[in-house]
Protein backbone atom coordinates (compact mmCIF):
# COMPACT_ATOMS: atom_id res chain seq x y z
CA UNK A 1 -42.14 106.27 87.81
CA UNK A 2 -43.10 109.92 87.57
CA UNK A 3 -42.23 111.59 84.28
CA UNK A 4 -40.52 114.91 83.76
CA UNK A 5 -43.01 117.72 83.14
CA UNK A 6 -42.38 121.01 81.35
CA UNK A 7 -45.29 123.41 80.99
CA UNK A 8 -44.82 126.36 78.64
CA UNK A 9 -46.80 129.46 77.77
CA UNK A 10 -46.28 132.93 76.41
CA UNK A 11 -43.48 134.45 78.51
CA UNK A 12 -43.10 131.58 80.99
CA UNK A 13 -41.97 127.98 81.55
CA UNK A 14 -42.40 125.77 84.60
CA UNK A 15 -40.77 122.40 85.00
CA UNK A 16 -40.60 119.42 87.34
CA UNK A 17 -38.13 116.54 87.04
CA UNK A 18 -38.42 114.17 90.03
CA UNK A 19 -35.40 112.17 88.79
CA UNK A 20 -32.98 115.15 88.98
CA UNK A 21 -30.48 114.97 91.83
CA UNK A 22 -30.46 118.48 93.26
CA UNK A 23 -32.64 120.77 91.17
CA UNK A 24 -35.96 119.13 90.36
CA UNK A 25 -37.75 122.39 89.50
CA UNK A 26 -37.46 124.98 86.77
CA UNK A 27 -38.94 128.46 86.47
CA UNK A 28 -38.32 130.62 83.42
CA UNK A 29 -39.43 133.83 81.78
CA UNK A 30 -38.45 135.85 78.73
CA UNK A 31 -34.79 135.03 78.12
CA UNK A 32 -33.95 133.56 81.53
CA UNK A 33 -34.34 130.33 83.52
CA UNK A 34 -33.55 129.24 87.10
CA UNK A 35 -33.38 125.67 88.36
CA UNK A 36 -35.00 125.18 91.78
CA UNK A 37 -34.80 122.54 94.47
CA UNK A 38 -38.02 120.67 95.21
CA UNK A 39 -38.53 122.73 98.38
CA UNK A 40 -38.02 126.00 96.46
CA UNK A 41 -40.46 124.92 93.75
CA UNK A 42 -43.03 123.90 96.37
CA UNK A 43 -42.70 127.27 98.12
CA UNK A 44 -42.93 129.15 94.81
CA UNK A 45 -46.11 127.37 93.72
CA UNK A 46 -47.71 127.70 97.18
CA UNK A 47 -46.87 131.41 97.60
CA UNK A 48 -47.95 132.22 94.04
CA UNK A 49 -51.33 130.64 94.75
CA UNK A 50 -51.69 132.52 98.04
CA UNK A 51 -50.80 135.86 96.43
CA UNK A 52 -53.22 135.26 93.56
CA UNK A 53 -56.01 134.50 96.06
CA UNK A 54 -55.19 137.68 97.99
CA UNK A 55 -55.25 139.75 94.79
CA UNK A 56 -58.69 138.35 93.96
CA UNK A 57 -59.96 139.19 97.44
CA UNK A 58 -58.60 142.75 97.17
CA UNK A 59 -60.50 143.47 93.95
CA UNK A 60 -63.62 144.68 95.77
CA UNK A 61 -61.64 146.88 98.18
CA UNK A 62 -59.60 148.87 95.65
CA UNK A 63 -60.51 151.86 93.53
CA UNK A 64 -60.68 151.16 89.79
CA UNK A 65 -57.23 152.56 88.94
CA UNK A 66 -55.56 151.61 92.23
CA UNK A 67 -52.46 149.44 91.96
CA UNK A 68 -51.32 147.19 94.77
CA UNK A 69 -48.16 145.27 95.66
CA UNK A 70 -48.29 142.20 97.89
CA UNK A 71 -45.31 140.10 98.92
CA UNK A 72 -44.78 136.77 100.61
CA UNK A 73 -41.60 135.11 101.82
CA UNK A 74 -40.19 131.86 103.13
CA UNK A 75 -36.64 131.05 104.23
CA UNK A 76 -35.99 129.98 100.63
CA UNK A 77 -37.55 132.69 98.50
CA UNK A 78 -39.40 136.00 98.23
CA UNK A 79 -42.27 136.59 95.80
CA UNK A 80 -44.20 139.76 94.98
CA UNK A 81 -47.19 140.50 92.78
CA UNK A 82 -47.73 144.08 91.67
CA UNK A 83 -50.45 145.75 89.63
CA UNK A 84 -54.23 145.46 89.44
CA UNK A 85 -56.25 142.51 90.78
CA UNK A 86 -57.04 141.44 87.20
CA UNK A 87 -53.54 142.09 85.77
CA UNK A 88 -50.33 141.97 87.78
CA UNK A 89 -46.65 141.19 87.34
CA UNK A 90 -44.71 138.69 89.44
CA UNK A 91 -41.19 138.91 90.84
CA UNK A 92 -39.15 136.12 92.43
CA UNK A 93 -35.92 136.35 94.45
CA UNK A 94 -34.15 133.29 95.86
CA UNK A 95 -32.97 133.81 99.45
CA UNK A 96 -30.92 130.67 100.04
CA UNK A 97 -27.73 129.45 98.41
CA UNK A 98 -27.39 130.99 94.96
CA UNK A 99 -28.82 134.48 94.49
CA UNK A 100 -31.23 134.65 91.57
CA UNK A 101 -34.04 136.91 90.49
CA UNK A 102 -36.88 136.38 88.05
CA UNK A 103 -39.71 138.49 86.67
CA UNK A 104 -42.89 137.76 84.72
CA UNK A 105 -45.03 140.41 83.03
CA UNK A 106 -48.74 140.66 83.74
CA UNK A 107 -49.53 138.88 80.46
CA UNK A 108 -47.49 135.81 81.51
CA UNK A 109 -48.84 135.44 85.05
CA UNK A 110 -52.28 133.83 84.39
CA UNK A 111 -50.76 130.90 82.48
CA UNK A 112 -47.95 130.49 84.99
CA UNK A 113 -50.45 130.52 87.85
CA UNK A 114 -52.58 127.80 86.22
CA UNK A 115 -49.51 125.64 85.56
CA UNK A 116 -48.26 126.07 89.14
CA UNK A 117 -51.57 124.74 90.47
CA UNK A 118 -51.33 121.47 88.54
CA UNK A 119 -47.59 120.93 88.04
CA UNK A 120 -47.14 118.28 90.72
CA UNK A 121 -50.65 116.85 90.96
CA UNK A 122 -50.07 113.15 90.37
């Protein structure tokens, strides 16, 4: 049996409960939380990783003070990172079913990104 997992850091929370009926995932920031389906959580973690990789790759192509915004989308959700390759904020909008929006500051993103990479590694 897989246990419920909640990872928490400064300005973020990420959760996975395989026993939940509809909403197995949880994403949260300062003062807000959204439950996600497994498919939404999978898309969120995958897109966050892809955007982080793209930001890293862009570091050598940008001027020192140049900000960038990159977005990615699936049928279920839209995600955008915005800022500098070494410090960027993250925004999430759910596209399907309920309409929800979330935001993480640049200081919260590194911890959230690390947690997203290992949340469902069993």
